[in-house]
Amino acid sequence: SVLLRQNHHDVGEWLRRADLFGKMEESEGGGPAGSARALAEATRAVDARKAVNGRPSSLWARLAEIYEEGGDAEGARGVFTRVCDDGEYEFRGPDDLAVVWTAWAEMEL
């Protein structure tokens, strides 16, 4: 939390935060829903041009993975559609977008 206040573009810290929420009990605001909330917040907070300690594409891929693991393939497709088709997030380069497209293709297989 303190590290994210110092630099909210730190992808690695956002992923760690999501993992912490995933390990918490749902009654405490954790579990998959808490992890998804943290990652959704991260996708709004991280500017791809300022991102450090990881690629923003990993935030989007992990968010979709949480939906998929929870049995919500439509939710995962919604995440991928927002970023790949609707262009909701502007990546630094085409490589980051390609990572998300690849994760989408792997999910559909």
PDB file of N, CA and C in Angstrom:
ATOM      1  N   SER A   1       0.817  -1.189   0.000  1.00  0.00           N
ATOM      2  CA  SER A   1       0.000   0.000   0.000  1.00  0.00           C
ATOM      3  C   SER A   1       0.867   1.260   0.000  1.00  0.00           C
ATOM      4  N   VAL A   2       1.881   1.279   0.840  1.00  0.00           N
ATOM      5  CA  VAL A   2       2.773   2.442   0.887  1.00  0.00           C
ATOM      6  C   VAL A   2       3.540   2.575  -0.426  1.00  0.00           C
ATOM      7  N   LEU A   3       4.005   1.450  -0.959  1.00  0.00           N
ATOM      8  CA  LEU A   3       4.743   1.502  -2.221  1.00  0.00           C
ATOM      9  C   LEU A   3       3.869   1.990  -3.358  1.00  0.00           C
ATOM     10  N   LEU A   4       2.588   1.656  -3.329  1.00  0.00           N
ATOM     11  CA  LEU A   4       1.686   2.126  -4.376  1.00  0.00           C
ATOM     12  C   LEU A   4       1.387   3.611  -4.223  1.00  0.00           C
ATOM     13  N   ARG A   5       1.404   4.108  -3.007  1.00  0.00           N
ATOM     14  CA  ARG A   5       1.245   5.553  -2.815  1.00  0.00           C
ATOM     15  C   ARG A   5       2.465   6.291  -3.345  1.00  0.00           C
ATOM     16  N   GLN A   6       3.634   5.685  -3.226  1.00  0.00           N
ATOM     17  CA  GLN A   6       4.848   6.305  -3.733  1.00  0.00           C
ATOM     18  C   GLN A   6       4.893   6.287  -5.250  1.00  0.00           C
ATOM     19  N   ASN A   7       4.427   5.198  -5.858  1.00  0.00           N
ATOM     20  CA  ASN A   7       4.412   5.088  -7.318  1.00  0.00           C
ATOM     21  C   ASN A   7       3.270   4.166  -7.719  1.00  0.00           C
ATOM     22  N   HIS A   8       2.140   4.765  -8.106  1.00  0.00           N
ATOM     23  CA  HIS A   8       0.984   3.937  -8.441  1.00  0.00           C
ATOM     24  C   HIS A   8       1.074   3.328  -9.836  1.00  0.00           C
ATOM     25  N   HIS A   9       2.218   3.480 -10.502  1.00  0.00           N
ATOM     26  CA  HIS A   9       2.453   2.863 -11.807  1.00  0.00           C
ATOM     27  C   HIS A   9       3.299   1.588 -11.684  1.00  0.00           C
ATOM     28  N   ASP A  10       3.462   1.081 -10.461  1.00  0.00           N
ATOM     29  CA  ASP A  10       4.278  -0.095 -10.203  1.00  0.00           C
ATOM     30  C   ASP A  10       3.441  -1.366 -10.403  1.00  0.00           C
ATOM     31  N   VAL A  11       3.571  -1.969 -11.565  1.00  0.00           N
ATOM     32  CA  VAL A  11       2.777  -3.137 -11.944  1.00  0.00           C
ATOM     33  C   VAL A  11       3.016  -4.295 -10.984  1.00  0.00           C
ATOM     34  N   GLY A  12       4.254  -4.552 -10.630  1.00  0.00           N
ATOM     35  CA  GLY A  12       4.574  -5.656  -9.733  1.00  0.00           C
ATOM     36  C   GLY A  12       3.906  -5.523  -8.381  1.00  0.00           C
ATOM     37  N   GLU A  13       3.850  -4.325  -7.851  1.00  0.00           N
ATOM     38  CA  GLU A  13       3.193  -4.104  -6.564  1.00  0.00           C
ATOM     39  C   GLU A  13       1.681  -4.314  -6.670  1.00  0.00           C
ATOM     40  N   TRP A  14       1.094  -3.910  -7.790  1.00  0.00           N
ATOM     41  CA  TRP A  14      -0.339  -4.151  -7.986  1.00  0.00           C
ATOM     42  C   TRP A  14      -0.628  -5.651  -8.039  1.00  0.00           C
ATOM     43  N   LEU A  15       0.229  -6.392  -8.718  1.00  0.00           N
ATOM     44  CA  LEU A  15       0.032  -7.847  -8.787  1.00  0.00           C
ATOM     45  C   LEU A  15       0.173  -8.485  -7.412  1.00  0.00           C
ATOM     46  N   ARG A  16       1.136  -8.012  -6.619  1.00  0.00           N
ATOM     47  CA  ARG A  16       1.294  -8.515  -5.245  1.00  0.00           C
ATOM     48  C   ARG A  16       0.062  -8.179  -4.394  1.00  0.00           C
ATOM     49  N   ARG A  17      -0.451  -6.971  -4.580  1.00  0.00           N
ATOM     50  CA  ARG A  17      -1.647  -6.563  -3.840  1.00  0.00           C
ATOM     51  C   ARG A  17      -2.828  -7.476  -4.186  1.00  0.00           C
ATOM     52  N   ALA A  18      -2.992  -7.748  -5.477  1.00  0.00           N
ATOM     53  CA  ALA A  18      -4.082  -8.630  -5.913  1.00  0.00           C
ATOM     54  C   ALA A  18      -3.910 -10.028  -5.320  1.00  0.00           C
ATOM     55  N   ASP A  19      -2.687 -10.523  -5.274  1.00  0.00           N
ATOM     56  CA  ASP A  19      -2.428 -11.839  -4.673  1.00  0.00           C
ATOM     57  C   ASP A  19      -2.772 -11.842  -3.185  1.00  0.00           C
ATOM     58  N   LEU A  20      -2.437 -10.758  -2.487  1.00  0.00           N
ATOM     59  CA  LEU A  20      -2.778 -10.666  -1.065  1.00  0.00           C
ATOM     60  C   LEU A  20      -4.287 -10.712  -0.865  1.00  0.00           C
ATOM     61  N   PHE A  21      -5.019  -9.956  -1.674  1.00  0.00           N
ATOM     62  CA  PHE A  21      -6.473  -9.983  -1.569  1.00  0.00           C
ATOM     63  C   PHE A  21      -7.007 -11.373  -1.888  1.00  0.00           C
ATOM     64  N   GLY A  22      -6.389 -12.050  -2.838  1.00  0.00           N
ATOM     65  CA  GLY A  22      -6.819 -13.391  -3.197  1.00  0.00           C
ATOM     66  C   GLY A  22      -6.652 -14.388  -2.067  1.00  0.00           C
ATOM     67  N   LYS A  23      -5.690 -14.161  -1.185  1.00  0.00           N
ATOM     68  CA  LYS A  23      -5.437 -15.065  -0.061  1.00  0.00           C
ATOM     69  C   LYS A  23      -6.305 -14.760   1.155  1.00  0.00           C
ATOM     70  N   MET A  24      -6.925 -13.583   1.173  1.00  0.00           N
ATOM     71  CA  MET A  24      -7.784 -13.195   2.292  1.00  0.00           C
ATOM     72  C   MET A  24      -9.136 -13.895   2.184  1.00  0.00           C
ATOM     73  N   GLU A  25      -9.827 -13.970   3.287  1.00  0.00           N
ATOM     74  CA  GLU A  25     -11.181 -14.522   3.304  1.00  0.00           C
ATOM     75  C   GLU A  25     -12.134 -13.554   2.611  1.00  0.00           C
ATOM     76  N   GLU A  26     -13.148 -14.093   1.953  1.00  0.00           N
ATOM     77  CA  GLU A  26     -14.130 -13.248   1.278  1.00  0.00           C
ATOM     78  C   GLU A  26     -14.863 -12.349   2.262  1.00  0.00           C
ATOM     79  N   SER A  27     -15.074 -12.823   3.477  1.00  0.00           N
ATOM     80  CA  SER A  27     -15.757 -12.015   4.488  1.00  0.00           C
ATOM     81  C   SER A  27     -14.944 -10.781   4.880  1.00  0.00           C
ATOM     82  N   GLU A  28     -13.643 -10.807   4.594  1.00  0.00           N
ATOM     83  CA  GLU A  28     -12.757  -9.674   4.888  1.00  0.00           C
ATOM     84  C   GLU A  28     -12.535  -8.805   3.658  1.00  0.00           C
ATOM     85  N   GLY A  29     -13.304  -9.045   2.591  1.00  0.00           N
ATOM     86  CA  GLY A  29     -13.142  -8.265   1.366  1.00  0.00           C
ATOM     87  C   GLY A  29     -12.131  -8.858   0.409  1.00  0.00           C
ATOM     88  N   GLY A  30     -11.732 -10.092   0.670  1.00  0.00           N
ATOM     89  CA  GLY A  30     -10.720 -10.728  -0.161  1.00  0.00           C
ATOM     90  C   GLY A  30     -11.302 -11.774  -1.071  1.00  0.00           C
ATOM     91  N   GLY A  31     -10.515 -12.787  -1.346  1.00  0.00           N
ATOM     92  CA  GLY A  31     -10.911 -13.844  -2.257  1.00  0.00           C
ATOM     93  C   GLY A  31     -10.813 -13.361  -3.695  1.00  0.00           C
ATOM     94  N   PRO A  32     -11.356 -14.115  -4.618  1.00  0.00           N
ATOM     95  CA  PRO A  32     -11.285 -13.725  -6.031  1.00  0.00           C
ATOM     96  C   PRO A  32     -11.905 -12.360  -6.311  1.00  0.00           C
ATOM     97  N   ALA A  33     -12.997 -12.040  -5.630  1.00  0.00           N
ATOM     98  CA  ALA A  33     -13.644 -10.747  -5.850  1.00  0.00           C
ATOM     99  C   ALA A  33     -12.731  -9.597  -5.414  1.00  0.00           C
ATOM    100  N   GLY A  34     -12.070  -9.759  -4.286  1.00  0.00           N
ATOM    101  CA  GLY A  34     -11.140  -8.733  -3.811  1.00  0.00           C
ATOM    102  C   GLY A  34      -9.955  -8.580  -4.732  1.00  0.00           C
ATOM    103  N   SER A  35      -9.454  -9.704  -5.213  1.00  0.00           N
ATOM    104  CA  SER A  35      -8.343  -9.681  -6.157  1.00  0.00           C
ATOM    105  C   SER A  35      -8.744  -8.978  -7.449  1.00  0.00           C
ATOM    106  N   ALA A  36      -9.946  -9.284  -7.941  1.00  0.00           N
ATOM    107  CA  ALA A  36     -10.439  -8.637  -9.171  1.00  0.00           C
ATOM    108  C   ALA A  36     -10.618  -7.145  -8.960  1.00  0.00           C
ATOM    109  N   ARG A  37     -11.117  -6.737  -7.796  1.00  0.00           N
ATOM    110  CA  ARG A  37     -11.267  -5.294  -7.514  1.00  0.00           C
ATOM    111  C   ARG A  37      -9.914  -4.584  -7.528  1.00  0.00           C
ATOM    112  N   ALA A  38      -8.911  -5.216  -6.926  1.00  0.00           N
ATOM    113  CA  ALA A  38      -7.569  -4.615  -6.893  1.00  0.00           C
ATOM    114  C   ALA A  38      -7.006  -4.470  -8.302  1.00  0.00           C
ATOM    115  N   LEU A  39      -7.203  -5.491  -9.124  1.00  0.00           N
ATOM    116  CA  LEU A  39      -6.685  -5.427 -10.494  1.00  0.00           C
ATOM    117  C   LEU A  39      -7.459  -4.422 -11.341  1.00  0.00           C
ATOM    118  N   ALA A  40      -8.755  -4.331 -11.126  1.00  0.00           N
ATOM    119  CA  ALA A  40      -9.541  -3.332 -11.854  1.00  0.00           C
ATOM    120  C   ALA A  40      -9.065  -1.929 -11.495  1.00  0.00           C
ATOM    121  N   GLU A  41      -8.781  -1.712 -10.212  1.00  0.00           N
ATOM    122  CA  GLU A  41      -8.242  -0.431  -9.776  1.00  0.00           C
ATOM    123  C   GLU A  41      -6.874  -0.182 -10.421  1.00  0.00           C
ATOM    124  N   ALA A  42      -6.075  -1.219 -10.510  1.00  0.00           N
ATOM    125  CA  ALA A  42      -4.743  -1.098 -11.116  1.00  0.00           C
ATOM    126  C   ALA A  42      -4.836  -0.708 -12.584  1.00  0.00           C
ATOM    127  N   THR A  43      -5.789  -1.293 -13.315  1.00  0.00           N
ATOM    128  CA  THR A  43      -5.910  -0.967 -14.743  1.00  0.00           C
ATOM    129  C   THR A  43      -6.299   0.490 -14.949  1.00  0.00           C
ATOM    130  N   ARG A  44      -6.971   1.081 -13.963  1.00  0.00           N
ATOM    131  CA  ARG A  44      -7.309   2.506 -14.058  1.00  0.00           C
ATOM    132  C   ARG A  44      -6.149   3.395 -13.623  1.00  0.00           C
ATOM    133  N   ALA A  45      -5.330   2.906 -12.688  1.00  0.00           N
ATOM    134  CA  ALA A  45      -4.279   3.735 -12.094  1.00  0.00           C
ATOM    135  C   ALA A  45      -2.974   3.742 -12.890  1.00  0.00           C
ATOM    136  N   VAL A  46      -2.631   2.629 -13.514  1.00  0.00           N
ATOM    137  CA  VAL A  46      -1.321   2.508 -14.165  1.00  0.00           C
ATOM    138  C   VAL A  46      -1.357   3.116 -15.567  1.00  0.00           C
ATOM    139  N   ASP A  47      -0.472   4.055 -15.795  1.00  0.00           N
ATOM    140  CA  ASP A  47      -0.271   4.630 -17.124  1.00  0.00           C
ATOM    141  C   ASP A  47       0.836   3.812 -17.793  1.00  0.00           C
ATOM    142  N   ALA A  48       0.537   3.258 -18.958  1.00  0.00           N
ATOM    143  CA  ALA A  48       1.496   2.371 -19.627  1.00  0.00           C
ATOM    144  C   ALA A  48       2.830   3.053 -19.889  1.00  0.00           C
ATOM    145  N   ARG A  49       2.813   4.341 -20.168  1.00  0.00           N
ATOM    146  CA  ARG A  49       4.065   5.049 -20.458  1.00  0.00           C
ATOM    147  C   ARG A  49       4.924   5.247 -19.214  1.00  0.00           C
ATOM    148  N   LYS A  50       4.308   5.136 -18.034  1.00  0.00           N
ATOM    149  CA  LYS A  50       5.040   5.333 -16.775  1.00  0.00           C
ATOM    150  C   LYS A  50       5.204   4.032 -15.990  1.00  0.00           C
ATOM    151  N   ALA A  51       4.722   2.939 -16.522  1.00  0.00           N
ATOM    152  CA  ALA A  51       4.741   1.660 -15.806  1.00  0.00           C
ATOM    153  C   ALA A  51       6.165   1.193 -15.519  1.00  0.00           C
ATOM    154  N   VAL A  52       6.346   0.665 -14.323  1.00  0.00           N
ATOM    155  CA  VAL A  52       7.624   0.094 -13.905  1.00  0.00           C
ATOM    156  C   VAL A  52       7.362  -1.275 -13.287  1.00  0.00           C
ATOM    157  N   ASN A  53       8.411  -2.085 -13.214  1.00  0.00           N
ATOM    158  CA  ASN A  53       8.359  -3.363 -12.509  1.00  0.00           C
ATOM    159  C   ASN A  53       7.319  -4.311 -13.110  1.00  0.00           C
ATOM    160  N   GLY A  54       7.248  -4.340 -14.423  1.00  0.00           N
ATOM    161  CA  GLY A  54       6.314  -5.239 -15.090  1.00  0.00           C
ATOM    162  C   GLY A  54       5.588  -4.552 -16.226  1.00  0.00           C
ATOM    163  N   ARG A  55       4.821  -5.346 -16.942  1.00  0.00           N
ATOM    164  CA  ARG A  55       4.066  -4.824 -18.077  1.00  0.00           C
ATOM    165  C   ARG A  55       2.593  -4.695 -17.711  1.00  0.00           C
ATOM    166  N   PRO A  56       1.962  -3.598 -18.104  1.00  0.00           N
ATOM    167  CA  PRO A  56       0.536  -3.434 -17.830  1.00  0.00           C
ATOM    168  C   PRO A  56      -0.316  -4.559 -18.415  1.00  0.00           C
ATOM    169  N   SER A  57       0.150  -5.172 -19.478  1.00  0.00           N
ATOM    170  CA  SER A  57      -0.610  -6.279 -20.071  1.00  0.00           C
ATOM    171  C   SER A  57      -0.803  -7.425 -19.075  1.00  0.00           C
ATOM    172  N   SER A  58       0.133  -7.585 -18.137  1.00  0.00           N
ATOM    173  CA  SER A  58      -0.001  -8.656 -17.142  1.00  0.00           C
ATOM    174  C   SER A  58      -1.155  -8.382 -16.188  1.00  0.00           C
ATOM    175  N   LEU A  59      -1.487  -7.110 -15.956  1.00  0.00           N
ATOM    176  CA  LEU A  59      -2.637  -6.779 -15.113  1.00  0.00           C
ATOM    177  C   LEU A  59      -3.933  -7.238 -15.775  1.00  0.00           C
ATOM    178  N   TRP A  60      -4.052  -6.926 -17.074  1.00  0.00           N
ATOM    179  CA  TRP A  60      -5.261  -7.293 -17.812  1.00  0.00           C
ATOM    180  C   TRP A  60      -5.385  -8.813 -17.948  1.00  0.00           C
ATOM    181  N   ALA A  61      -4.273  -9.473 -18.247  1.00  0.00           N
ATOM    182  CA  ALA A  61      -4.305 -10.927 -18.405  1.00  0.00           C
ATOM    183  C   ALA A  61      -4.662 -11.599 -17.082  1.00  0.00           C
ATOM    184  N   ARG A  62      -4.122 -11.108 -15.985  1.00  0.00           N
ATOM    185  CA  ARG A  62      -4.420 -11.693 -14.669  1.00  0.00           C
ATOM    186  C   ARG A  62      -5.881 -11.454 -14.287  1.00  0.00           C
ATOM    187  N   LEU A  63      -6.408 -10.269 -14.593  1.00  0.00           N
ATOM    188  CA  LEU A  63      -7.801  -9.976 -14.293  1.00  0.00           C
ATOM    189  C   LEU A  63      -8.725 -10.947 -15.035  1.00  0.00           C
ATOM    190  N   ALA A  64      -8.467 -11.154 -16.312  1.00  0.00           N
ATOM    191  CA  ALA A  64      -9.272 -12.104 -17.087  1.00  0.00           C
ATOM    192  C   ALA A  64      -9.115 -13.521 -16.541  1.00  0.00           C
ATOM    193  N   GLU A  65      -7.913 -13.862 -16.111  1.00  0.00           N
ATOM    194  CA  GLU A  65      -7.652 -15.199 -15.557  1.00  0.00           C
ATOM    195  C   GLU A  65      -8.475 -15.453 -14.296  1.00  0.00           C
ATOM    196  N   ILE A  66      -8.645 -14.433 -13.479  1.00  0.00           N
ATOM    197  CA  ILE A  66      -9.443 -14.584 -12.259  1.00  0.00           C
ATOM    198  C   ILE A  66     -10.886 -14.920 -12.614  1.00  0.00           C
ATOM    199  N   TYR A  67     -11.420 -14.221 -13.610  1.00  0.00           N
ATOM    200  CA  TYR A  67     -12.789 -14.535 -14.052  1.00  0.00           C
ATOM    201  C   TYR A  67     -12.870 -15.967 -14.585  1.00  0.00           C
ATOM    202  N   GLU A  68     -11.884 -16.337 -15.396  1.00  0.00           N
ATOM    203  CA  GLU A  68     -11.879 -17.676 -15.984  1.00  0.00           C
ATOM    204  C   GLU A  68     -11.797 -18.751 -14.901  1.00  0.00           C
ATOM    205  N   GLU A  69     -10.912 -18.563 -13.926  1.00  0.00           N
ATOM    206  CA  GLU A  69     -10.758 -19.535 -12.841  1.00  0.00           C
ATOM    207  C   GLU A  69     -12.028 -19.667 -12.013  1.00  0.00           C
ATOM    208  N   GLY A  70     -12.806 -18.580 -11.956  1.00  0.00           N
ATOM    209  CA  GLY A  70     -14.064 -18.603 -11.219  1.00  0.00           C
ATOM    210  C   GLY A  70     -15.219 -19.161 -12.033  1.00  0.00           C
ATOM    211  N   GLY A  71     -14.930 -19.629 -13.243  1.00  0.00           N
ATOM    212  CA  GLY A  71     -15.969 -20.205 -14.085  1.00  0.00           C
ATOM    213  C   GLY A  71     -16.770 -19.184 -14.870  1.00  0.00           C
ATOM    214  N   ASP A  72     -16.304 -17.952 -14.923  1.00  0.00           N
ATOM    215  CA  ASP A  72     -17.011 -16.887 -15.633  1.00  0.00           C
ATOM    216  C   ASP A  72     -16.267 -16.541 -16.924  1.00  0.00           C
ATOM    217  N   ALA A  73     -16.405 -17.416 -17.912  1.00  0.00           N
ATOM    218  CA  ALA A  73     -15.724 -17.198 -19.189  1.00  0.00           C
ATOM    219  C   ALA A  73     -16.223 -15.922 -19.870  1.00  0.00           C
ATOM    220  N   GLU A  74     -17.499 -15.606 -19.702  1.00  0.00           N
ATOM    221  CA  GLU A  74     -18.041 -14.382 -20.313  1.00  0.00           C
ATOM    222  C   GLU A  74     -17.415 -13.138 -19.684  1.00  0.00           C
ATOM    223  N   GLY A  75     -17.196 -13.170 -18.384  1.00  0.00           N
ATOM    224  CA  GLY A  75     -16.526 -12.057 -17.712  1.00  0.00           C
ATOM    225  C   GLY A  75     -15.100 -11.881 -18.225  1.00  0.00           C
ATOM    226  N   ALA A  76     -14.399 -13.006 -18.414  1.00  0.00           N
ATOM    227  CA  ALA A  76     -13.039 -12.959 -18.956  1.00  0.00           C
ATOM    228  C   ALA A  76     -13.057 -12.403 -20.373  1.00  0.00           C
ATOM    229  N   ARG A  77     -14.023 -12.863 -21.181  1.00  0.00           N
ATOM    230  CA  ARG A  77     -14.139 -12.332 -22.548  1.00  0.00           C
ATOM    231  C   ARG A  77     -14.431 -10.840 -22.530  1.00  0.00           C
ATOM    232  N   GLY A  78     -15.217 -10.411 -21.559  1.00  0.00           N
ATOM    233  CA  GLY A  78     -15.521  -8.986 -21.424  1.00  0.00           C
ATOM    234  C   GLY A  78     -14.269  -8.160 -21.168  1.00  0.00           C
ATOM    235  N   VAL A  79     -13.395  -8.677 -20.316  1.00  0.00           N
ATOM    236  CA  VAL A  79     -12.129  -7.990 -20.035  1.00  0.00           C
ATOM    237  C   VAL A  79     -11.299  -7.901 -21.319  1.00  0.00           C
ATOM    238  N   PHE A  80     -11.161  -9.030 -22.004  1.00  0.00           N
ATOM    239  CA  PHE A  80     -10.363  -9.047 -23.224  1.00  0.00           C
ATOM    240  C   PHE A  80     -10.973  -8.147 -24.302  1.00  0.00           C
ATOM    241  N   THR A  81     -12.287  -8.141 -24.420  1.00  0.00           N
ATOM    242  CA  THR A  81     -12.950  -7.297 -25.423  1.00  0.00           C
ATOM    243  C   THR A  81     -12.706  -5.831 -25.134  1.00  0.00           C
ATOM    244  N   ARG A  82     -12.805  -5.457 -23.866  1.00  0.00           N
ATOM    245  CA  ARG A  82     -12.585  -4.046 -23.499  1.00  0.00           C
ATOM    246  C   ARG A  82     -11.207  -3.572 -23.911  1.00  0.00           C
ATOM    247  N   VAL A  83     -10.204  -4.407 -23.711  1.00  0.00           N
ATOM    248  CA  VAL A  83      -8.836  -3.959 -23.971  1.00  0.00           C
ATOM    249  C   VAL A  83      -8.406  -4.204 -25.421  1.00  0.00           C
ATOM    250  N   CYS A  84      -8.840  -5.304 -26.023  1.00  0.00           N
ATOM    251  CA  CYS A  84      -8.389  -5.645 -27.376  1.00  0.00           C
ATOM    252  C   CYS A  84      -9.248  -5.015 -28.466  1.00  0.00           C
ATOM    253  N   ASP A  85     -10.553  -5.119 -28.326  1.00  0.00           N
ATOM    254  CA  ASP A  85     -11.448  -4.625 -29.371  1.00  0.00           C
ATOM    255  C   ASP A  85     -11.855  -3.173 -29.169  1.00  0.00           C
ATOM    256  N   ASP A  86     -12.169  -2.814 -27.926  1.00  0.00           N
ATOM    257  CA  ASP A  86     -12.667  -1.469 -27.656  1.00  0.00           C
ATOM    258  C   ASP A  86     -11.552  -0.448 -27.437  1.00  0.00           C
ATOM    259  N   GLY A  87     -10.331  -0.931 -27.238  1.00  0.00           N
ATOM    260  CA  GLY A  87      -9.197  -0.018 -27.040  1.00  0.00           C
ATOM    261  C   GLY A  87      -9.315   0.802 -25.768  1.00  0.00           C
ATOM    262  N   GLU A  88      -9.867   0.216 -24.703  1.00  0.00           N
ATOM    263  CA  GLU A  88     -10.067   0.939 -23.449  1.00  0.00           C
ATOM    264  C   GLU A  88      -8.745   1.371 -22.809  1.00  0.00           C
ATOM    265  N   TYR A  89      -7.686   0.656 -23.098  1.00  0.00           N
ATOM    266  CA  TYR A  89      -6.388   0.957 -22.492  1.00  0.00           C
ATOM    267  C   TYR A  89      -5.363   1.180 -23.597  1.00  0.00           C
ATOM    268  N   GLU A  90      -4.560   2.206 -23.443  1.00  0.00           N
ATOM    269  CA  GLU A  90      -3.539   2.501 -24.443  1.00  0.00           C
ATOM    270  C   GLU A  90      -2.188   1.982 -23.953  1.00  0.00           C
ATOM    271  N   PHE A  91      -1.721   0.910 -24.597  1.00  0.00           N
ATOM    272  CA  PHE A  91      -0.438   0.321 -24.223  1.00  0.00           C
ATOM    273  C   PHE A  91       0.708   1.127 -24.809  1.00  0.00           C
ATOM    274  N   ARG A  92       1.878   0.927 -24.249  1.00  0.00           N
ATOM    275  CA  ARG A  92       3.079   1.620 -24.705  1.00  0.00           C
ATOM    276  C   ARG A  92       3.454   1.196 -26.122  1.00  0.00           C
ATOM    277  N   GLY A  93       3.274  -0.078 -26.426  1.00  0.00           N
ATOM    278  CA  GLY A  93       3.638  -0.580 -27.748  1.00  0.00           C
ATOM    279  C   GLY A  93       2.803  -1.785 -28.125  1.00  0.00           C
ATOM    280  N   PRO A  94       2.939  -2.231 -29.351  1.00  0.00           N
ATOM    281  CA  PRO A  94       2.129  -3.360 -29.817  1.00  0.00           C
ATOM    282  C   PRO A  94       2.457  -4.677 -29.119  1.00  0.00           C
ATOM    283  N   ASP A  95       3.652  -4.805 -28.574  1.00  0.00           N
ATOM    284  CA  ASP A  95       4.019  -6.044 -27.878  1.00  0.00           C
ATOM    285  C   ASP A  95       3.116  -6.303 -26.672  1.00  0.00           C
ATOM    286  N   ASP A  96       2.793  -5.242 -25.925  1.00  0.00           N
ATOM    287  CA  ASP A  96       1.927  -5.406 -24.759  1.00  0.00           C
ATOM    288  C   ASP A  96       0.530  -5.845 -25.178  1.00  0.00           C
ATOM    289  N   LEU A  97       0.008  -5.249 -26.217  1.00  0.00           N
ATOM    290  CA  LEU A  97      -1.314  -5.642 -26.700  1.00  0.00           C
ATOM    291  C   LEU A  97      -1.286  -7.081 -27.210  1.00  0.00           C
ATOM    292  N   ALA A  98      -0.188  -7.471 -27.843  1.00  0.00           N
ATOM    293  CA  ALA A  98      -0.054  -8.840 -28.347  1.00  0.00           C
ATOM    294  C   ALA A  98      -0.096  -9.856 -27.201  1.00  0.00           C
ATOM    295  N   VAL A  99       0.454  -9.491 -26.053  1.00  0.00           N
ATOM    296  CA  VAL A  99       0.420 -10.383 -24.887  1.00  0.00           C
ATOM    297  C   VAL A  99      -1.030 -10.638 -24.472  1.00  0.00           C
ATOM    298  N   VAL A 100      -1.849  -9.596 -24.487  1.00  0.00           N
ATOM    299  CA  VAL A 100      -3.246  -9.746 -24.098  1.00  0.00           C
ATOM    300  C   VAL A 100      -4.007 -10.567 -25.136  1.00  0.00           C
ATOM    301  N   TRP A 101      -3.755 -10.310 -26.413  1.00  0.00           N
ATOM    302  CA  TRP A 101      -4.388 -11.106 -27.470  1.00  0.00           C
ATOM    303  C   TRP A 101      -4.016 -12.583 -27.329  1.00  0.00           C
ATOM    304  N   THR A 102      -2.773 -12.853 -27.028  1.00  0.00           N
ATOM    305  CA  THR A 102      -2.304 -14.238 -26.861  1.00  0.00           C
ATOM    306  C   THR A 102      -3.001 -14.901 -25.672  1.00  0.00           C
ATOM    307  N   ALA A 103      -3.123 -14.167 -24.563  1.00  0.00           N
ATOM    308  CA  ALA A 103      -3.809 -14.723 -23.401  1.00  0.00           C
ATOM    309  C   ALA A 103      -5.269 -15.030 -23.736  1.00  0.00           C
ATOM    310  N   TRP A 104      -5.895 -14.178 -24.534  1.00  0.00           N
ATOM    311  CA  TRP A 104      -7.283 -14.409 -24.946  1.00  0.00           C
ATOM    312  C   TRP A 104      -7.383 -15.670 -25.792  1.00  0.00           C
ATOM    313  N   ALA A 105      -6.473 -15.798 -26.747  1.00  0.00           N
ATOM    314  CA  ALA A 105      -6.476 -16.987 -27.612  1.00  0.00           C
ATOM    315  C   ALA A 105      -6.251 -18.259 -26.804  1.00  0.00           C
ATOM    316  N   GLU A 106      -5.342 -18.214 -25.836  1.00  0.00           N
ATOM    317  CA  GLU A 106      -5.072 -19.395 -25.003  1.00  0.00           C
ATOM    318  C   GLU A 106      -6.292 -19.765 -24.169  1.00  0.00           C
ATOM    319  N   MET A 107      -7.025 -18.743 -23.695  1.00  0.00           N
ATOM    320  CA  MET A 107      -8.223 -19.029 -22.914  1.00  0.00           C
ATOM    321  C   MET A 107      -9.278 -19.732 -23.773  1.00  0.00           C
ATOM    322  N   GLU A 108      -9.400 -19.315 -25.001  1.00  0.00           N
ATOM    323  CA  GLU A 108     -10.434 -19.863 -25.884  1.00  0.00           C
ATOM    324  C   GLU A 108     -10.115 -21.291 -26.358  1.00  0.00           C
ATOM    325  N   LEU A 109      -8.854 -21.692 -26.229  1.00  0.00           N
ATOM    326  CA  LEU A 109      -8.485 -23.050 -26.685  1.00  0.00           C
ATOM    327  C   LEU A 109      -8.938 -24.112 -25.748  1.00  0.00           C
TER     328      LEU A 109
END
